[in-house]
């Protein structure tokens, strides 16, 4: 079943199946990694804010705690799981990522 010059691969399959296979094997992994980050942040943030009427902490502190925990967990899981990686990821998440994301969130809440 020839479809044109050079379009048939081994076994009669077209070369387009390889790119489809590559997409099917990589896209779910990356989607799950990104989704787990957002779900983890949402769960930690909700645990910290679930009794908002008695909570005296500013929302920025809860956001920083959530980013610190997520940064530490993701760095430790990506680089081997040692306590050094957890602490490094927590410091990076708390001091670098948290203020930037909080500022972006505030800018997104502004009209205009």
C-alpha atoms as a PDB file:
ATOM      1  CA  UNK A   1       0.000   0.000   0.000  1.00  0.00           C
ATOM      2  CA  UNK A   2       2.260   2.739  -1.264  1.00  0.00           C
ATOM      3  CA  UNK A   3       1.197   6.299  -0.552  1.00  0.00           C
ATOM      4  CA  UNK A   4       3.964   8.052  -2.312  1.00  0.00           C
ATOM      5  CA  UNK A   5       7.703   8.054  -2.622  1.00  0.00           C
ATOM      6  CA  UNK A   6       9.399   7.670   0.753  1.00  0.00           C
ATOM      7  CA  UNK A   7       6.235   7.700   2.855  1.00  0.00           C
ATOM      8  CA  UNK A   8       6.233   4.012   3.714  1.00  0.00           C
ATOM      9  CA  UNK A   9       8.328   2.957   6.679  1.00  0.00           C
ATOM     10  CA  UNK A  10       9.236  -0.534   7.838  1.00  0.00           C
ATOM     11  CA  UNK A  11       6.284  -2.876   8.152  1.00  0.00           C
ATOM     12  CA  UNK A  12       4.124  -0.843   5.805  1.00  0.00           C
ATOM     13  CA  UNK A  13       3.461   1.887   8.377  1.00  0.00           C
ATOM     14  CA  UNK A  14       3.758   5.482   7.338  1.00  0.00           C
ATOM     15  CA  UNK A  15       6.346   7.790   8.837  1.00  0.00           C
ATOM     16  CA  UNK A  16       3.592   9.885  10.382  1.00  0.00           C
ATOM     17  CA  UNK A  17       2.888   7.153  12.923  1.00  0.00           C
ATOM     18  CA  UNK A  18       6.274   7.819  14.496  1.00  0.00           C
ATOM     19  CA  UNK A  19       5.472  11.451  15.262  1.00  0.00           C
ATOM     20  CA  UNK A  20       2.052  10.426  16.564  1.00  0.00           C
ATOM     21  CA  UNK A  21       3.699   7.819  18.781  1.00  0.00           C
ATOM     22  CA  UNK A  22       6.186  10.402  20.048  1.00  0.00           C
ATOM     23  CA  UNK A  23       3.327  12.752  20.937  1.00  0.00           C
ATOM     24  CA  UNK A  24       1.342  10.017  22.677  1.00  0.00           C
ATOM     25  CA  UNK A  25       4.331   8.973  24.778  1.00  0.00           C
ATOM     26  CA  UNK A  26       5.537  12.436  25.821  1.00  0.00           C
ATOM     27  CA  UNK A  27       2.443  14.629  26.085  1.00  0.00           C
ATOM     28  CA  UNK A  28       0.692  12.768  28.944  1.00  0.00           C
ATOM     29  CA  UNK A  29       3.867  12.759  31.034  1.00  0.00           C
ATOM     30  CA  UNK A  30       4.354  16.509  30.715  1.00  0.00           C
ATOM     31  CA  UNK A  31       0.653  17.181  31.236  1.00  0.00           C
ATOM     32  CA  UNK A  32       0.646  15.121  34.425  1.00  0.00           C
ATOM     33  CA  UNK A  33       3.735  16.904  35.730  1.00  0.00           C
ATOM     34  CA  UNK A  34       2.222  20.333  35.151  1.00  0.00           C
ATOM     35  CA  UNK A  35      -1.176  19.297  36.463  1.00  0.00           C
ATOM     36  CA  UNK A  36       0.311  17.842  39.628  1.00  0.00           C
ATOM     37  CA  UNK A  37       2.097  21.135  40.342  1.00  0.00           C
ATOM     38  CA  UNK A  38      -1.120  23.132  40.039  1.00  0.00           C
ATOM     39  CA  UNK A  39      -3.120  20.592  42.040  1.00  0.00           C
ATOM     40  CA  UNK A  40      -0.452  20.450  44.752  1.00  0.00           C
ATOM     41  CA  UNK A  41      -0.410  24.231  45.069  1.00  0.00           C
ATOM     42  CA  UNK A  42      -4.200  24.378  45.214  1.00  0.00           C
ATOM     43  CA  UNK A  43      -4.406  21.682  47.902  1.00  0.00           C
ATOM     44  CA  UNK A  44      -1.695  23.221  50.113  1.00  0.00           C
ATOM     45  CA  UNK A  45      -3.203  26.682  49.708  1.00  0.00           C
ATOM     46  CA  UNK A  46      -6.698  25.417  50.582  1.00  0.00           C
ATOM     47  CA  UNK A  47      -5.393  23.629  53.680  1.00  0.00           C
ATOM     48  CA  UNK A  48      -3.784  26.867  54.834  1.00  0.00           C
ATOM     49  CA  UNK A  49      -6.845  29.030  54.057  1.00  0.00           C
ATOM     50  CA  UNK A  50      -9.798  26.741  54.818  1.00  0.00           C
ATOM     51  CA  UNK A  51     -10.842  28.637  57.985  1.00  0.00           C
ATOM     52  CA  UNK A  52     -10.332  32.093  56.569  1.00  0.00           C
ATOM     53  CA  UNK A  53     -12.506  33.798  59.182  1.00  0.00           C
ATOM     54  CA  UNK A  54     -10.049  32.883  61.967  1.00  0.00           C
ATOM     55  CA  UNK A  55      -6.891  33.160  59.872  1.00  0.00           C
ATOM     56  CA  UNK A  56      -4.685  36.098  60.813  1.00  0.00           C
ATOM     57  CA  UNK A  57      -1.950  35.452  58.223  1.00  0.00           C
ATOM     58  CA  UNK A  58      -1.856  37.548  55.056  1.00  0.00           C
ATOM     59  CA  UNK A  59      -2.564  35.685  51.836  1.00  0.00           C
ATOM     60  CA  UNK A  60       0.992  36.339  50.677  1.00  0.00           C
ATOM     61  CA  UNK A  61       2.392  34.291  53.578  1.00  0.00           C
ATOM     62  CA  UNK A  62       0.159  31.324  52.687  1.00  0.00           C
ATOM     63  CA  UNK A  63       1.159  31.654  49.044  1.00  0.00           C
ATOM     64  CA  UNK A  64       4.855  31.705  50.009  1.00  0.00           C
ATOM     65  CA  UNK A  65       4.461  28.623  52.223  1.00  0.00           C
ATOM     66  CA  UNK A  66       2.755  26.746  49.387  1.00  0.00           C
ATOM     67  CA  UNK A  67       5.434  27.760  46.861  1.00  0.00           C
ATOM     68  CA  UNK A  68       8.213  26.830  49.294  1.00  0.00           C
ATOM     69  CA  UNK A  69       6.782  23.358  49.874  1.00  0.00           C
ATOM     70  CA  UNK A  70       6.155  22.786  46.176  1.00  0.00           C
ATOM     71  CA  UNK A  71       9.598  24.059  45.218  1.00  0.00           C
ATOM     72  CA  UNK A  72      11.278  21.766  47.718  1.00  0.00           C
ATOM     73  CA  UNK A  73       9.257  18.707  46.738  1.00  0.00           C
ATOM     74  CA  UNK A  74       9.668  19.251  43.008  1.00  0.00           C
ATOM     75  CA  UNK A  75      13.413  19.924  43.234  1.00  0.00           C
ATOM     76  CA  UNK A  76      13.952  16.884  45.453  1.00  0.00           C
ATOM     77  CA  UNK A  77      11.933  14.638  43.145  1.00  0.00           C
ATOM     78  CA  UNK A  78      13.670  15.948  40.031  1.00  0.00           C
ATOM     79  CA  UNK A  79      17.247  15.768  41.292  1.00  0.00           C
ATOM     80  CA  UNK A  80      17.356  12.679  43.464  1.00  0.00           C
ATOM     81  CA  UNK A  81      15.557  13.270  46.740  1.00  0.00           C
ATOM     82  CA  UNK A  82      18.335  14.386  49.051  1.00  0.00           C
ATOM     83  CA  UNK A  83      17.618  16.908  51.836  1.00  0.00           C
ATOM     84  CA  UNK A  84      20.041  19.341  50.184  1.00  0.00           C
ATOM     85  CA  UNK A  85      17.868  19.426  47.062  1.00  0.00           C
ATOM     86  CA  UNK A  86      14.706  19.856  49.136  1.00  0.00           C
ATOM     87  CA  UNK A  87      16.174  22.829  51.002  1.00  0.00           C
ATOM     88  CA  UNK A  88      17.580  24.371  47.823  1.00  0.00           C
ATOM     89  CA  UNK A  89      14.233  24.044  46.035  1.00  0.00           C
ATOM     90  CA  UNK A  90      12.383  25.474  49.022  1.00  0.00           C
ATOM     91  CA  UNK A  91      14.643  28.509  49.208  1.00  0.00           C
ATOM     92  CA  UNK A  92      14.385  29.044  45.456  1.00  0.00           C
ATOM     93  CA  UNK A  93      10.602  28.642  45.502  1.00  0.00           C
ATOM     94  CA  UNK A  94      10.094  30.846  48.529  1.00  0.00           C
ATOM     95  CA  UNK A  95      12.444  33.680  47.676  1.00  0.00           C
ATOM     96  CA  UNK A  96      12.333  33.760  43.884  1.00  0.00           C
ATOM     97  CA  UNK A  97       9.219  32.099  42.495  1.00  0.00           C
ATOM     98  CA  UNK A  98       6.651  33.070  45.171  1.00  0.00           C
ATOM     99  CA  UNK A  99       6.991  36.892  44.908  1.00  0.00           C
ATOM    100  CA  UNK A 100       6.948  36.803  41.108  1.00  0.00           C
ATOM    101  CA  UNK A 101       3.866  34.570  40.893  1.00  0.00           C
ATOM    102  CA  UNK A 102       2.046  36.567  43.586  1.00  0.00           C
ATOM    103  CA  UNK A 103       2.724  39.822  41.738  1.00  0.00           C
ATOM    104  CA  UNK A 104       1.507  38.260  38.485  1.00  0.00           C
ATOM    105  CA  UNK A 105      -1.636  37.026  40.244  1.00  0.00           C
ATOM    106  CA  UNK A 106      -2.337  40.522  41.576  1.00  0.00           C
ATOM    107  CA  UNK A 107      -1.812  42.022  38.123  1.00  0.00           C
ATOM    108  CA  UNK A 108      -4.242  39.508  36.654  1.00  0.00           C
ATOM    109  CA  UNK A 109      -6.907  40.488  39.194  1.00  0.00           C
ATOM    110  CA  UNK A 110      -6.766  44.164  38.225  1.00  0.00           C
ATOM    111  CA  UNK A 111      -9.299  45.433  35.721  1.00  0.00           C
ATOM    112  CA  UNK A 112      -8.138  46.863  32.454  1.00  0.00           C
END
